[in-house]
């Protein structure tokens, strides 16, 4: 995206035949940080160069990443590998190194290398050397190959990225083709990072994009993603504001929210969680960790939805794999409904009084755990008890729907059939037939 927008040139010189063993995860993080830094800090019409070379006799891999358009001075170089260092030159427009270059230097050091930086005219050059191993113990006679990771493809493939609109059109087509894939919204102003995250997740999920918080809210007016991943620092509306808005709105409060930030301090994490974030991941992050957090949040939500929507829902959540606080909340909620089951006027307001929680707290908690509104939950409990009475009592249908709080027979029949796929009398007959068959056998 930046390449196309700024009319930049990306030159890659990678000789064929370079092979050897290296710490893949650390090496890719180094390349990503250096190239991201080069593209981010290059202007319109500037050039970015990536060179790789290997001295055969020494098995030494040499990497060079350079870009034109650099406004730094020699005096800035002594602090360039320090976290959040900002150059003194006013023309730099507050160009900060963030934690990327500091982290890069640390990774190279762990791999027994050393990174150097120098300026020449308006060019800045980063170079480092790493030893390539020709074999790994136990694999001396094997050829070990590894498919390129999402990170490697993102930075070394021809640096072309589609626009947000183009990517979202593609996501919409995929969404229409498959109703089984979870939908994820990525909110990130950095096009290269947004591109990377999308590539990481697109094989398992339908992925939409937004460039900032305001664009995300516009998207949410007409769409309901299953999960949101958002950066914290963004123009117009940052991630904290976006998360607070989403978790305060009844229509979106149930959506799991993952927050990404370059600030990994406890204070920053606390601030993120206080706005309602379900997970807080510090940059730079491990690809596998992000995938795991996405999967776990979606799995947990699906598990809760299945539990609450099950036709045999009851107040026994002791052996269910969920947070203790969620168990207690659900047990209290089910008991509150069951204690007032015969009252047709039972509604969310009465549950709020019984549980001593606010309207927003009840709605948000129930939406998060079950994907239901309070009225939907009350109806589900009523129907569950109606099914139990049809199976275990001799009461007629009219008596049962009054005892379970329904005051309209046609409405009761319609809603019962939605859940149990049979009319009440047919359901009773089927259950009794099943019991008789079991006793005979």
Protein backbone atom coordinates (compact mmCIF):
# COMPACT_ATOMS: atom_id res chain seq x y z
CA UNK A 1 0.00 0.00 0.00
CA UNK A 2 2.73 2.48 0.96
CA UNK A 3 4.79 1.41 -2.05
CA UNK A 4 1.96 2.19 -4.44
CA UNK A 5 0.79 5.33 -2.67
CA UNK A 6 4.27 6.88 -2.44
CA UNK A 7 5.47 5.69 -5.85
CA UNK A 8 8.43 3.98 -4.20
CA UNK A 9 10.83 1.43 -5.68
CA UNK A 10 11.55 -1.82 -3.87
CA UNK A 11 14.74 -3.49 -5.08
CA UNK A 12 15.57 -7.04 -3.97
CA UNK A 13 18.86 -8.78 -4.66
CA UNK A 14 18.78 -12.39 -3.43
CA UNK A 15 21.18 -14.82 -5.13
CA UNK A 16 19.98 -18.35 -5.73
CA UNK A 17 21.39 -21.23 -3.77
CA UNK A 18 21.63 -19.71 -0.29
CA UNK A 19 20.82 -22.56 2.10
CA UNK A 20 21.43 -23.36 5.72
CA UNK A 21 19.88 -23.59 9.15
CA UNK A 22 18.90 -20.48 11.09
CA UNK A 23 16.45 -19.52 13.85
CA UNK A 24 13.48 -18.92 11.55
CA UNK A 25 11.23 -17.12 14.01
CA UNK A 26 13.85 -14.60 15.17
CA UNK A 27 15.25 -14.09 11.66
CA UNK A 28 11.84 -13.30 10.20
CA UNK A 29 11.04 -10.85 12.99
CA UNK A 30 14.31 -9.05 12.24
CA UNK A 31 13.52 -8.80 8.52
CA UNK A 32 9.97 -7.64 9.19
CA UNK A 33 11.08 -4.89 11.57
CA UNK A 34 13.84 -3.60 9.30
CA UNK A 35 11.71 -3.56 6.16
CA UNK A 36 8.70 -2.08 7.94
CA UNK A 37 10.96 0.63 9.29
CA UNK A 38 12.38 1.33 5.81
CA UNK A 39 8.96 1.63 4.12
CA UNK A 40 7.46 3.64 6.95
CA UNK A 41 10.26 6.21 6.98
CA UNK A 42 10.62 6.63 3.22
CA UNK A 43 8.89 9.38 1.34
CA UNK A 44 7.32 9.73 -2.06
CA UNK A 45 9.56 8.51 -4.88
CA UNK A 46 12.17 7.07 -2.51
CA UNK A 47 13.85 3.68 -2.90
CA UNK A 48 14.10 0.69 -0.57
CA UNK A 49 16.77 -1.95 -1.04
CA UNK A 50 16.99 -5.45 0.36
CA UNK A 51 20.15 -7.47 -0.32
CA UNK A 52 21.19 -10.93 0.84
CA UNK A 53 24.57 -12.52 0.28
CA UNK A 54 26.42 -15.52 1.61
CA UNK A 55 30.17 -16.05 1.77
CA UNK A 56 30.50 -19.72 0.91
CA UNK A 57 33.73 -20.40 2.77
CA UNK A 58 32.52 -18.88 6.02
CA UNK A 59 28.85 -19.89 5.68
CA UNK A 60 28.08 -16.34 6.73
CA UNK A 61 24.81 -14.73 5.70
CA UNK A 62 24.95 -10.97 5.16
CA UNK A 63 21.79 -8.87 5.02
CA UNK A 64 21.47 -5.23 3.99
CA UNK A 65 18.31 -3.11 4.28
CA UNK A 66 18.55 0.50 3.09
CA UNK A 67 16.27 3.33 2.09
CA UNK A 68 16.65 6.79 0.63
CA UNK A 69 14.91 9.87 1.94
CA UNK A 70 16.40 9.61 5.41
CA UNK A 71 16.38 12.87 7.42
CA UNK A 72 18.41 11.64 10.37
CA UNK A 73 21.77 13.09 11.35
CA UNK A 74 24.90 11.27 12.49
CA UNK A 75 24.18 12.40 16.04
CA UNK A 76 20.88 10.48 15.97
CA UNK A 77 22.53 7.15 15.21
CA UNK A 78 23.96 6.63 18.70
CA UNK A 79 20.41 6.35 20.09
CA UNK A 80 18.67 4.73 17.14
CA UNK A 81 18.46 1.31 18.81
CA UNK A 82 16.92 2.70 21.99
CA UNK A 83 13.20 2.23 22.61
CA UNK A 84 10.97 5.13 21.58
CA UNK A 85 13.88 7.37 20.62
CA UNK A 86 12.76 10.37 18.57
CA UNK A 87 15.18 12.24 16.31
CA UNK A 88 16.03 15.85 17.12
CA UNK A 89 15.69 17.11 13.57
CA UNK A 90 12.35 18.93 13.27
CA UNK A 91 12.11 17.86 9.65
CA UNK A 92 11.86 14.25 10.79
CA UNK A 93 8.26 14.92 11.82
CA UNK A 94 8.69 13.16 15.17
CA UNK A 95 10.03 10.00 13.58
CA UNK A 96 10.24 7.49 16.41
CA UNK A 97 12.06 4.17 16.36
CA UNK A 98 9.44 2.68 18.72
CA UNK A 99 10.52 -0.73 20.01
CA UNK A 100 11.14 -2.21 16.55
CA UNK A 101 14.83 -1.40 16.15
CA UNK A 102 15.64 -2.02 19.82
CA UNK A 103 13.98 -5.43 19.57
CA UNK A 104 15.74 -6.11 16.27
CA UNK A 105 19.15 -5.46 17.79
CA UNK A 106 18.33 -7.74 20.72
CA UNK A 107 17.23 -10.58 18.42
CA UNK A 108 20.37 -10.32 16.28
CA UNK A 109 22.49 -10.35 19.42
CA UNK A 110 20.74 -13.53 20.61
CA UNK A 111 21.65 -15.12 17.26
CA UNK A 112 25.32 -14.14 17.86
CA UNK A 113 25.26 -11.34 15.32
CA UNK A 114 25.71 -7.59 15.40
CA UNK A 115 23.82 -4.93 13.47
CA UNK A 116 25.44 -1.79 12.10
CA UNK A 117 23.90 1.42 10.81
CA UNK A 118 25.42 4.24 8.77
CA UNK A 119 24.34 7.25 6.74
CA UNK A 120 25.47 8.30 3.31
CA UNK A 121 23.93 11.35 1.64
CA UNK A 122 20.19 10.84 2.23
CA UNK A 123 20.47 7.05 2.54
CA UNK A 124 20.43 4.97 5.74
CA UNK A 125 21.95 1.48 5.71
CA UNK A 126 21.30 -1.33 8.20
CA UNK A 127 23.52 -4.40 7.85
CA UNK A 128 24.19 -7.52 9.88
CA UNK A 129 25.84 -10.93 9.50
CA UNK A 130 24.72 -14.30 10.85
CA UNK A 131 26.36 -17.70 10.78
CA UNK A 132 24.47 -20.32 8.76
CA UNK A 133 24.63 -23.85 10.07
CA UNK A 134 24.99 -26.55 7.45
CA UNK A 135 23.49 -29.28 9.60
CA UNK A 136 21.58 -29.91 12.80
CA UNK A 137 22.46 -32.70 15.18
CA UNK A 138 20.45 -35.78 14.27
CA UNK A 139 19.62 -34.47 10.80
CA UNK A 140 23.04 -34.62 9.12
CA UNK A 141 21.80 -36.65 6.17
CA UNK A 142 18.40 -35.04 5.79
CA UNK A 143 17.18 -32.16 3.67
CA UNK A 144 15.02 -30.05 5.95
CA UNK A 145 12.63 -27.71 4.17
CA UNK A 146 10.13 -25.27 5.63
CA UNK A 147 7.29 -23.51 3.89
CA UNK A 148 7.52 -19.71 3.92
CA UNK A 149 5.64 -18.22 6.83
CA UNK A 150 2.98 -15.53 6.50
CA UNK A 151 5.55 -13.04 7.74
CA UNK A 152 8.13 -14.00 5.12
CA UNK A 153 5.57 -13.84 2.31
CA UNK A 154 4.35 -10.46 3.52
CA UNK A 155 7.74 -8.76 3.37
CA UNK A 156 9.62 -10.49 0.55
CA UNK A 157 6.90 -11.00 -2.04
CA UNK A 158 6.48 -8.12 -4.53
CA UNK A 159 5.36 -5.34 -2.24
CA UNK A 160 1.87 -4.76 -3.62
CA UNK A 161 -1.16 -4.58 -1.40
CA UNK A 162 -4.79 -4.11 -2.39
CA UNK A 163 -6.82 -1.29 -0.88
CA UNK A 164 -9.11 -1.80 2.09
CA UNK A 165 -12.10 -1.56 -0.25
CA UNK A 166 -10.71 -4.25 -2.56
CA UNK A 167 -9.90 -6.58 0.32
CA UNK A 168 -13.34 -6.09 1.86
CA UNK A 169 -15.03 -6.87 -1.46
CA UNK A 170 -13.08 -10.12 -1.59
CA UNK A 171 -14.01 -10.86 2.04
CA UNK A 172 -17.69 -10.22 1.26
CA UNK A 173 -17.60 -12.71 -1.60
CA UNK A 174 -16.00 -15.31 0.68
CA UNK A 175 -18.55 -14.50 3.39
CA UNK A 176 -21.44 -15.13 1.01
CA UNK A 177 -19.93 -18.42 -0.15
CA UNK A 178 -19.47 -19.82 3.36
CA UNK A 179 -21.75 -19.35 6.34
CA UNK A 180 -19.56 -21.49 8.59
CA UNK A 181 -16.43 -19.33 8.78
CA UNK A 182 -16.11 -16.87 11.65
CA UNK A 183 -15.85 -13.23 10.58
CA UNK A 184 -12.97 -11.09 11.91
CA UNK A 185 -12.52 -7.34 11.61
CA UNK A 186 -8.93 -5.98 11.67
CA UNK A 187 -8.63 -2.32 12.69
CA UNK A 188 -5.10 -1.06 11.99
CA UNK A 189 -3.76 2.11 10.36
CA UNK A 190 -0.43 0.53 9.38
CA UNK A 191 -1.11 -1.07 5.97
CA UNK A 192 1.81 -3.49 6.18
CA UNK A 193 0.77 -4.82 9.60
CA UNK A 194 -2.86 -5.01 8.53
CA UNK A 195 -1.73 -6.97 5.48
CA UNK A 196 0.30 -9.34 7.65
CA UNK A 197 -2.52 -10.04 10.12
CA UNK A 198 -4.96 -10.60 7.27
CA UNK A 199 -2.59 -13.11 5.67
CA UNK A 200 -2.19 -14.92 8.99
CA UNK A 201 -5.94 -15.37 9.45
CA UNK A 202 -7.53 -15.47 6.00
CA UNK A 203 -7.18 -19.26 5.52
CA UNK A 204 -9.33 -20.00 8.59
CA UNK A 205 -11.60 -16.95 8.78
CA UNK A 206 -13.35 -14.32 6.68
CA UNK A 207 -11.33 -11.15 7.30
CA UNK A 208 -12.51 -7.57 6.85
CA UNK A 209 -10.39 -4.45 7.39
CA UNK A 210 -10.74 -0.88 8.67
CA UNK A 211 -8.04 1.79 8.77
CA UNK A 212 -9.09 3.38 12.08
CA UNK A 213 -11.74 3.38 14.77
CA UNK A 214 -14.18 5.60 12.88
CA UNK A 215 -14.00 3.39 9.81
CA UNK A 216 -14.60 0.37 12.06
CA UNK A 217 -17.76 1.92 13.53
CA UNK A 218 -19.04 2.63 10.02
CA UNK A 219 -18.43 -1.03 9.16
CA UNK A 220 -20.27 -2.20 12.28
CA UNK A 221 -23.42 -0.29 11.29
CA UNK A 222 -24.13 -2.93 8.65
CA UNK A 223 -22.01 -5.89 9.74
CA UNK A 224 -21.60 -8.07 12.83
CA UNK A 225 -18.12 -9.66 13.05
CA UNK A 226 -17.46 -12.53 15.43
CA UNK A 227 -14.22 -10.94 16.69
CA UNK A 228 -12.33 -7.65 16.41
CA UNK A 229 -8.54 -7.14 16.41
CA UNK A 230 -7.50 -3.52 16.85
CA UNK A 231 -4.33 -1.50 17.25
CA UNK A 232 -4.28 1.04 20.06
CA UNK A 233 -2.53 4.02 18.45
CA UNK A 234 -4.53 5.21 15.42
CA UNK A 235 -5.63 8.58 14.03
CA UNK A 236 -9.22 9.89 14.30
CA UNK A 237 -10.28 7.26 16.86
CA UNK A 238 -7.78 5.07 18.71
CA UNK A 239 -8.26 1.48 19.83
CA UNK A 240 -9.14 2.34 23.43
CA UNK A 241 -11.94 4.66 22.32
CA UNK A 242 -13.16 2.08 19.81
CA UNK A 243 -13.19 -0.72 22.40
CA UNK A 244 -15.05 1.43 24.92
CA UNK A 245 -17.65 2.35 22.32
CA UNK A 246 -18.14 -1.26 21.21
CA UNK A 247 -18.39 -2.66 24.73
CA UNK A 248 -20.90 0.05 25.72
CA UNK A 249 -23.28 -0.50 22.80
CA UNK A 250 -25.95 -3.22 23.25
CA UNK A 251 -25.63 -4.34 19.62
CA UNK A 252 -21.87 -4.97 19.80
CA UNK A 253 -20.94 -5.46 23.48
CA UNK A 254 -20.74 -9.25 23.09
CA UNK A 255 -18.06 -9.20 20.35
CA UNK A 256 -14.64 -10.44 21.62
CA UNK A 257 -12.02 -7.66 21.30
CA UNK A 258 -8.25 -8.22 20.97
CA UNK A 259 -6.09 -5.15 21.49
CA UNK A 260 -2.61 -4.84 19.93
CA UNK A 261 -0.12 -2.32 21.27
CA UNK A 262 3.58 -1.51 21.23
CA UNK A 263 3.20 -0.68 24.92
CA UNK A 264 3.39 -3.86 26.96
CA UNK A 265 3.54 -2.34 30.45
CA UNK A 266 1.14 -3.47 33.16
CA UNK A 267 -0.38 0.02 33.22
CA UNK A 268 -1.10 -0.15 29.47
CA UNK A 269 -2.60 -3.63 29.77
CA UNK A 270 -4.78 -2.51 32.69
CA UNK A 271 -6.00 0.46 30.67
CA UNK A 272 -6.88 -1.87 27.80
CA UNK A 273 -8.76 -4.32 29.99
CA UNK A 274 -10.62 -1.51 31.75
CA UNK A 275 -12.12 -0.44 28.42
CA UNK A 276 -13.47 -3.98 27.99
CA UNK A 277 -10.78 -5.70 25.90
CA UNK A 278 -10.88 -9.51 26.09
CA UNK A 279 -7.17 -9.88 25.27
CA UNK A 280 -4.18 -7.53 25.17
CA UNK A 281 -1.20 -8.52 23.00
CA UNK A 282 2.03 -6.54 22.99
CA UNK A 283 3.89 -5.89 19.75
CA UNK A 284 5.91 -7.45 18.29
CA UNK A 285 3.82 -10.58 18.71
CA UNK A 286 4.37 -14.21 17.81
CA UNK A 287 2.18 -15.32 14.88
CA UNK A 288 1.22 -18.58 16.59
CA UNK A 289 0.24 -16.74 19.76
CA UNK A 290 -2.14 -14.42 17.90
CA UNK A 291 -3.71 -17.39 16.11
CA UNK A 292 -4.14 -19.20 19.42
CA UNK A 293 -5.80 -16.24 21.16
CA UNK A 294 -8.22 -15.77 18.26
CA UNK A 295 -9.09 -19.47 18.26
CA UNK A 296 -9.54 -19.64 22.05
CA UNK A 297 -11.82 -16.60 22.20
CA UNK A 298 -14.00 -17.89 19.38
CA UNK A 299 -14.06 -21.42 20.82
CA UNK A 300 -15.08 -20.14 24.25
CA UNK A 301 -17.90 -18.07 22.82
CA UNK A 302 -19.15 -20.97 20.66
CA UNK A 303 -18.99 -23.32 23.64
CA UNK A 304 -21.06 -20.94 25.74
CA UNK A 305 -23.58 -20.42 22.96
CA UNK A 306 -24.02 -24.17 22.54
CA UNK A 307 -24.43 -24.67 26.27
CA UNK A 308 -27.05 -21.97 26.72
CA UNK A 309 -28.91 -22.82 23.52
CA UNK A 310 -29.05 -26.54 24.30
CA UNK A 311 -32.63 -27.72 24.73
CA UNK A 312 -31.65 -29.36 28.04
CA UNK A 313 -30.33 -26.17 29.63
CA UNK A 314 -30.44 -26.31 33.41
CA UNK A 315 -28.75 -24.75 36.40
CA UNK A 316 -26.04 -27.38 36.78
CA UNK A 317 -22.86 -25.81 35.41
CA UNK A 318 -20.49 -27.41 37.90
CA UNK A 319 -18.64 -29.64 35.45
CA UNK A 320 -18.69 -27.20 32.54
CA UNK A 321 -15.35 -25.78 31.40
CA UNK A 322 -15.91 -22.07 31.97
CA UNK A 323 -14.79 -19.32 34.31
CA UNK A 324 -16.10 -19.67 37.85
CA UNK A 325 -17.59 -16.19 37.69
CA UNK A 326 -19.53 -17.12 34.55
CA UNK A 327 -20.82 -20.29 36.21
CA UNK A 328 -22.09 -18.34 39.20
CA UNK A 329 -23.72 -15.73 36.99
CA UNK A 330 -25.53 -18.34 34.86
CA UNK A 331 -26.66 -20.34 37.89
CA UNK A 332 -28.06 -17.18 39.50
CA UNK A 333 -29.75 -16.12 36.27
CA UNK A 334 -31.39 -19.51 35.62
CA UNK A 335 -32.60 -19.68 39.23
CA UNK A 336 -34.08 -16.17 38.98
CA UNK A 337 -36.05 -17.18 35.87
CA UNK A 338 -37.17 -20.53 37.32
CA UNK A 339 -38.36 -18.93 40.58
CA UNK A 340 -40.61 -16.62 38.55
CA UNK A 341 -41.42 -18.98 35.70
CA UNK A 342 -45.22 -18.73 35.87
CA UNK A 343 -45.22 -14.93 35.75
CA UNK A 344 -46.02 -13.72 32.21
CA UNK A 345 -44.64 -10.27 33.06
CA UNK A 346 -41.16 -11.54 33.95
CA UNK A 347 -38.71 -9.38 32.03
CA UNK A 348 -35.15 -8.03 32.03
CA UNK A 349 -36.01 -5.28 34.53
CA UNK A 350 -37.08 -7.83 37.16
CA UNK A 351 -33.91 -9.89 36.57
CA UNK A 352 -31.83 -6.75 37.04
CA UNK A 353 -33.50 -6.14 40.42
CA UNK A 354 -33.08 -9.77 41.54
CA UNK A 355 -29.41 -9.96 40.51
CA UNK A 356 -28.65 -6.35 41.56
CA UNK A 357 -26.96 -5.47 38.26
CA UNK A 358 -27.54 -2.73 35.73
CA UNK A 359 -29.38 -3.15 32.45
CA UNK A 360 -26.12 -2.80 30.51
CA UNK A 361 -24.29 -5.34 32.69
CA UNK A 362 -27.02 -7.94 32.26
CA UNK A 363 -27.28 -7.39 28.52
CA UNK A 364 -23.52 -7.40 27.95
CA UNK A 365 -22.85 -10.48 30.09
CA UNK A 366 -25.68 -12.51 28.57
CA UNK A 367 -24.80 -11.47 25.04
CA UNK A 368 -21.16 -12.39 25.60
CA UNK A 369 -21.89 -15.80 27.09
CA UNK A 370 -24.95 -16.85 25.12
CA UNK A 371 -25.44 -14.52 22.21
CA UNK A 372 -28.95 -13.87 23.58
CA UNK A 373 -30.86 -10.90 24.92
CA UNK A 374 -32.48 -11.27 28.38
CA UNK A 375 -35.92 -11.76 26.81
CA UNK A 376 -34.58 -14.52 24.54
CA UNK A 377 -32.97 -16.22 27.54
CA UNK A 378 -36.20 -16.08 29.58
CA UNK A 379 -38.12 -17.59 26.67
CA UNK A 380 -35.56 -20.39 26.31
CA UNK A 381 -35.89 -21.35 29.99
CA UNK A 382 -39.68 -21.31 29.70
CA UNK A 383 -39.56 -23.63 26.68
CA UNK A 384 -37.10 -25.97 28.39
CA UNK A 385 -39.45 -26.40 31.34
CA UNK A 386 -42.42 -26.84 29.02
CA UNK A 387 -40.55 -29.70 27.30
CA UNK A 388 -39.81 -31.33 30.68
CA UNK A 389 -43.49 -31.11 31.70
CA UNK A 390 -44.64 -32.56 28.38
CA UNK A 391 -42.38 -35.53 28.93
CA UNK A 392 -42.86 -36.12 32.66
CA UNK A 393 -46.38 -34.94 33.53
CA UNK A 394 -49.98 -35.61 32.54
CA UNK A 395 -50.85 -31.91 32.30
CA UNK A 396 -52.43 -30.86 29.02
CA UNK A 397 -50.73 -28.39 26.70
CA UNK A 398 -52.90 -25.46 27.77
CA UNK A 399 -52.01 -26.01 31.44
CA UNK A 400 -48.30 -26.34 30.58
CA UNK A 401 -47.97 -23.13 28.60
CA UNK A 402 -49.75 -21.17 31.36
CA UNK A 403 -47.53 -22.73 34.05
CA UNK A 404 -44.40 -21.75 32.12
CA UNK A 405 -45.46 -18.11 31.74
CA UNK A 406 -46.86 -18.06 28.20
CA UNK A 407 -50.23 -16.36 27.72
CA UNK A 408 -50.69 -16.91 24.01
CA UNK A 409 -51.16 -20.47 22.74
CA UNK A 410 -50.25 -19.87 19.09
CA UNK A 411 -47.07 -18.02 20.14
CA UNK A 412 -46.13 -20.91 22.44
CA UNK A 413 -46.66 -23.48 19.67
CA UNK A 414 -44.61 -21.45 17.18
CA UNK A 415 -41.66 -20.86 19.52
CA UNK A 416 -41.66 -24.46 20.82
CA UNK A 417 -41.48 -25.82 17.28
CA UNK A 418 -38.52 -23.53 16.47
CA UNK A 419 -36.44 -25.21 19.20
CA UNK A 420 -37.73 -28.80 19.24
CA UNK A 421 -38.85 -29.08 15.59
CA UNK A 422 -42.14 -30.65 16.66
CA UNK A 423 -45.50 -29.39 17.90
CA UNK A 424 -45.89 -29.87 21.71
CA UNK A 425 -48.25 -32.88 21.46
CA UNK A 426 -46.07 -34.55 18.82
CA UNK A 427 -43.03 -33.96 21.02
CA UNK A 428 -44.79 -35.59 23.99
CA UNK A 429 -45.77 -38.61 21.89
CA UNK A 430 -42.24 -39.05 20.53
CA UNK A 431 -40.72 -38.87 24.01
CA UNK A 432 -43.17 -41.46 25.37
CA UNK A 433 -42.51 -43.78 22.41
CA UNK A 434 -38.79 -43.54 23.08
CA UNK A 435 -39.28 -44.40 26.75
CA UNK A 436 -41.48 -47.39 25.93
CA UNK A 437 -38.95 -48.73 23.46
CA UNK A 438 -36.18 -48.46 26.03
CA UNK A 439 -38.21 -50.32 28.68
CA UNK A 440 -39.08 -53.20 26.29
CA UNK A 441 -35.51 -53.63 25.13
